[in-house]
């Protein structure tokens, strides 16, 4: 009689796909309104001029122009400059 529970097969999880997070548009790339710039969990990057943040912390463009990354007061900002 076994004195320990079976370990291996019962505890293995099936492989799950990644969520495709990260930076989608880099510095100086052109964007149109509605284009996703960053997909993230939490606010590692904050929206600046010409961008907004969605409810899942996605930063997207609301203006046409080029993407610019900068740091201001210790925060990483993303903006769209025309």
N, C-alpha and C. Protein backbone atom coordinates (compact mmCIF):
# COMPACT_ATOMS: atom_id res chain seq x y z
N UNK A 1 0.84 -1.19 0.00
CA UNK A 1 0.00 0.00 0.00
C UNK A 1 0.88 1.24 0.00
N UNK A 2 0.57 2.20 -0.86
CA UNK A 2 1.37 3.42 -0.97
C UNK A 2 1.07 4.35 0.20
N UNK A 3 2.11 4.95 0.74
CA UNK A 3 1.94 5.85 1.88
C UNK A 3 2.06 7.32 1.47
N UNK A 4 2.29 7.59 0.21
CA UNK A 4 2.34 8.98 -0.27
C UNK A 4 1.39 9.11 -1.46
N UNK A 5 0.88 10.31 -1.63
CA UNK A 5 -0.01 10.55 -2.76
C UNK A 5 0.81 10.54 -4.05
N UNK A 6 0.13 10.25 -5.15
CA UNK A 6 0.82 10.30 -6.43
C UNK A 6 1.17 11.76 -6.73
N UNK A 7 2.38 11.99 -7.19
CA UNK A 7 2.84 13.37 -7.34
C UNK A 7 2.87 13.86 -8.75
N UNK A 8 3.44 13.09 -9.64
CA UNK A 8 3.85 13.65 -10.92
C UNK A 8 2.70 14.08 -11.82
N UNK A 9 1.93 13.15 -12.31
CA UNK A 9 0.96 13.47 -13.35
C UNK A 9 -0.18 14.36 -12.85
N UNK A 10 -0.59 14.20 -11.62
CA UNK A 10 -1.73 14.95 -11.12
C UNK A 10 -1.43 16.43 -10.96
N UNK A 11 -0.17 16.79 -10.74
CA UNK A 11 0.17 18.18 -10.48
C UNK A 11 0.67 18.93 -11.71
N UNK A 12 0.83 18.25 -12.83
CA UNK A 12 1.32 18.92 -14.02
C UNK A 12 0.19 19.74 -14.65
N UNK A 13 0.52 20.95 -15.05
CA UNK A 13 -0.44 21.81 -15.73
C UNK A 13 -0.20 21.74 -17.24
N UNK A 14 -1.25 21.97 -17.99
CA UNK A 14 -1.09 21.99 -19.44
C UNK A 14 -0.42 23.30 -19.84
N UNK A 15 0.37 23.30 -20.89
CA UNK A 15 1.03 24.54 -21.33
C UNK A 15 -0.01 25.59 -21.74
N UNK A 16 0.21 26.80 -21.29
CA UNK A 16 -0.72 27.89 -21.62
C UNK A 16 -0.01 28.90 -22.51
N UNK A 17 -0.73 29.47 -23.46
CA UNK A 17 -0.08 30.44 -24.36
C UNK A 17 0.26 31.73 -23.63
N UNK A 18 1.30 32.42 -24.10
CA UNK A 18 1.66 33.72 -23.56
C UNK A 18 0.63 34.77 -23.93
N UNK A 19 0.64 35.89 -23.24
CA UNK A 19 -0.39 36.91 -23.43
C UNK A 19 0.01 38.00 -24.42
N UNK A 20 1.17 37.88 -25.02
CA UNK A 20 1.65 38.85 -26.05
C UNK A 20 1.73 40.27 -25.49
N UNK A 21 2.30 40.40 -24.30
CA UNK A 21 2.46 41.72 -23.69
C UNK A 21 3.75 42.36 -24.22
N UNK A 22 3.90 43.65 -23.98
CA UNK A 22 5.14 44.33 -24.31
C UNK A 22 4.93 45.54 -25.19
N UNK A 23 6.05 46.09 -25.64
CA UNK A 23 6.04 47.28 -26.48
C UNK A 23 5.77 46.88 -27.92
N UNK A 24 4.74 47.48 -28.50
CA UNK A 24 4.35 47.15 -29.88
C UNK A 24 4.88 48.16 -30.89
N UNK A 25 5.09 49.40 -30.47
CA UNK A 25 5.65 50.44 -31.35
C UNK A 25 6.86 51.05 -30.64
N UNK A 26 7.97 51.15 -31.33
CA UNK A 26 9.20 51.67 -30.74
C UNK A 26 9.37 53.16 -30.97
N UNK A 27 10.46 53.70 -30.43
CA UNK A 27 10.78 55.12 -30.54
C UNK A 27 10.77 55.56 -32.00
N UNK A 28 10.14 56.68 -32.28
CA UNK A 28 10.08 57.33 -33.60
C UNK A 28 9.26 56.56 -34.63
N UNK A 29 8.57 55.49 -34.26
CA UNK A 29 7.68 54.82 -35.21
C UNK A 29 6.39 55.63 -35.32
N UNK A 30 5.83 55.69 -36.52
CA UNK A 30 4.62 56.48 -36.70
C UNK A 30 3.39 55.66 -36.29
N UNK A 31 2.42 56.35 -35.71
CA UNK A 31 1.18 55.71 -35.26
C UNK A 31 -0.02 56.55 -35.70
N UNK A 32 -1.14 55.87 -35.82
CA UNK A 32 -2.42 56.53 -36.11
C UNK A 32 -3.30 56.40 -34.88
N UNK A 33 -4.34 57.19 -34.76
CA UNK A 33 -5.23 57.07 -33.61
C UNK A 33 -5.81 55.66 -33.50
N UNK A 34 -5.74 55.10 -32.30
CA UNK A 34 -6.24 53.75 -32.06
C UNK A 34 -5.17 52.68 -32.06
N UNK A 35 -3.98 53.01 -32.57
CA UNK A 35 -2.90 52.02 -32.59
C UNK A 35 -2.42 51.73 -31.17
N UNK A 36 -2.21 50.46 -30.86
CA UNK A 36 -1.70 50.06 -29.54
C UNK A 36 -0.19 50.27 -29.52
N UNK A 37 0.29 50.95 -28.48
CA UNK A 37 1.72 51.20 -28.33
C UNK A 37 2.33 50.22 -27.35
N UNK A 38 1.67 50.01 -26.20
CA UNK A 38 2.18 49.09 -25.17
C UNK A 38 1.03 48.29 -24.59
N UNK A 39 1.24 46.99 -24.41
CA UNK A 39 0.32 46.16 -23.63
C UNK A 39 1.07 45.71 -22.40
N UNK A 40 0.48 45.93 -21.22
CA UNK A 40 1.19 45.69 -19.97
C UNK A 40 0.24 45.25 -18.87
N UNK A 41 0.81 44.70 -17.82
CA UNK A 41 0.07 44.37 -16.60
C UNK A 41 0.50 45.38 -15.55
N UNK A 42 -0.40 46.25 -15.15
CA UNK A 42 -0.02 47.32 -14.23
C UNK A 42 0.56 48.47 -15.03
N UNK A 43 0.83 49.58 -14.36
CA UNK A 43 1.26 50.77 -15.09
C UNK A 43 2.77 50.98 -14.96
N UNK A 44 3.55 50.14 -15.67
CA UNK A 44 4.99 50.38 -15.73
C UNK A 44 5.26 51.63 -16.56
N UNK A 45 4.48 51.82 -17.62
CA UNK A 45 4.55 53.02 -18.44
C UNK A 45 3.27 53.81 -18.22
N UNK A 46 3.38 55.14 -18.27
CA UNK A 46 2.23 56.01 -18.07
C UNK A 46 1.97 56.79 -19.36
N UNK A 47 0.70 57.13 -19.63
CA UNK A 47 0.38 57.86 -20.85
C UNK A 47 0.80 59.33 -20.75
N UNK A 48 1.32 59.84 -21.84
CA UNK A 48 1.67 61.25 -21.93
C UNK A 48 0.79 61.93 -22.95
N UNK A 49 1.35 62.95 -23.61
CA UNK A 49 0.60 63.72 -24.60
C UNK A 49 0.28 62.85 -25.82
N UNK A 50 -0.98 62.84 -26.24
CA UNK A 50 -1.36 62.11 -27.44
C UNK A 50 -1.65 60.64 -27.22
N UNK A 51 -1.67 60.20 -25.95
CA UNK A 51 -1.96 58.80 -25.65
C UNK A 51 -2.97 58.70 -24.52
N UNK A 52 -3.60 57.56 -24.41
CA UNK A 52 -4.52 57.27 -23.30
C UNK A 52 -4.27 55.86 -22.83
N UNK A 53 -4.79 55.55 -21.61
CA UNK A 53 -4.63 54.22 -21.05
C UNK A 53 -5.98 53.53 -20.96
N UNK A 54 -6.06 52.29 -21.44
CA UNK A 54 -7.28 51.50 -21.35
C UNK A 54 -7.42 50.87 -19.98
N UNK A 55 -8.54 50.19 -19.76
CA UNK A 55 -8.80 49.63 -18.44
C UNK A 55 -7.90 48.44 -18.11
N UNK A 56 -7.29 47.82 -19.13
CA UNK A 56 -6.33 46.76 -18.86
C UNK A 56 -4.89 47.28 -18.97
N UNK A 57 -4.71 48.59 -18.77
CA UNK A 57 -3.42 49.29 -18.76
C UNK A 57 -2.76 49.35 -20.13
N UNK A 58 -3.49 49.06 -21.20
CA UNK A 58 -2.96 49.20 -22.54
C UNK A 58 -2.84 50.68 -22.88
N UNK A 59 -1.69 51.09 -23.40
CA UNK A 59 -1.51 52.48 -23.82
C UNK A 59 -1.68 52.53 -25.34
N UNK A 60 -2.57 53.43 -25.79
CA UNK A 60 -2.85 53.53 -27.22
C UNK A 60 -2.81 54.99 -27.64
N UNK A 61 -2.64 55.20 -28.94
CA UNK A 61 -2.53 56.55 -29.49
C UNK A 61 -3.90 57.16 -29.71
N UNK A 62 -4.03 58.47 -29.46
CA UNK A 62 -5.25 59.20 -29.79
C UNK A 62 -4.95 60.31 -30.79
N UNK A 63 -3.70 60.37 -31.25
CA UNK A 63 -3.29 61.38 -32.23
C UNK A 63 -2.35 60.72 -33.24
N UNK A 64 -2.21 61.34 -34.39
CA UNK A 64 -1.26 60.87 -35.39
C UNK A 64 0.10 61.49 -35.12
N UNK A 65 1.14 60.68 -35.25
CA UNK A 65 2.49 61.20 -35.03
C UNK A 65 3.47 60.08 -34.78
N UNK A 66 4.59 60.45 -34.14
CA UNK A 66 5.65 59.49 -33.85
C UNK A 66 5.70 59.22 -32.35
N UNK A 67 6.02 57.99 -31.98
CA UNK A 67 6.09 57.58 -30.58
C UNK A 67 7.38 58.12 -29.95
N UNK A 68 7.24 58.60 -28.71
CA UNK A 68 8.41 59.10 -27.97
C UNK A 68 8.33 58.57 -26.54
N UNK A 69 9.44 57.99 -26.06
CA UNK A 69 9.54 57.51 -24.69
C UNK A 69 10.41 58.48 -23.91
N UNK A 70 9.98 58.84 -22.68
CA UNK A 70 10.77 59.75 -21.85
C UNK A 70 10.54 59.46 -20.39
N UNK A 71 11.41 60.01 -19.54
CA UNK A 71 11.26 59.89 -18.09
C UNK A 71 11.03 61.27 -17.53
N UNK A 72 9.98 61.38 -16.67
CA UNK A 72 9.69 62.65 -16.03
C UNK A 72 9.29 62.37 -14.59
N UNK A 73 9.98 62.95 -13.64
CA UNK A 73 9.73 62.78 -12.21
C UNK A 73 9.74 61.30 -11.81
N UNK A 74 10.67 60.55 -12.37
CA UNK A 74 10.82 59.15 -12.02
C UNK A 74 9.83 58.21 -12.68
N UNK A 75 8.94 58.73 -13.54
CA UNK A 75 7.96 57.90 -14.23
C UNK A 75 8.36 57.75 -15.69
N UNK A 76 8.13 56.56 -16.24
CA UNK A 76 8.36 56.33 -17.66
C UNK A 76 7.09 56.71 -18.41
N UNK A 77 7.20 57.68 -19.29
CA UNK A 77 6.05 58.19 -20.05
C UNK A 77 6.16 57.79 -21.51
N UNK A 78 5.01 57.65 -22.15
CA UNK A 78 4.93 57.41 -23.58
C UNK A 78 4.06 58.50 -24.15
N UNK A 79 4.53 59.15 -25.21
CA UNK A 79 3.73 60.19 -25.84
C UNK A 79 3.81 60.07 -27.35
N UNK A 80 2.86 60.72 -28.02
CA UNK A 80 2.85 60.78 -29.48
C UNK A 80 3.05 62.22 -29.88
N UNK A 81 4.15 62.49 -30.59
CA UNK A 81 4.46 63.86 -31.02
C UNK A 81 4.23 63.96 -32.51
N UNK A 82 3.53 65.01 -32.92
CA UNK A 82 3.26 65.17 -34.36
C UNK A 82 4.35 65.96 -35.04
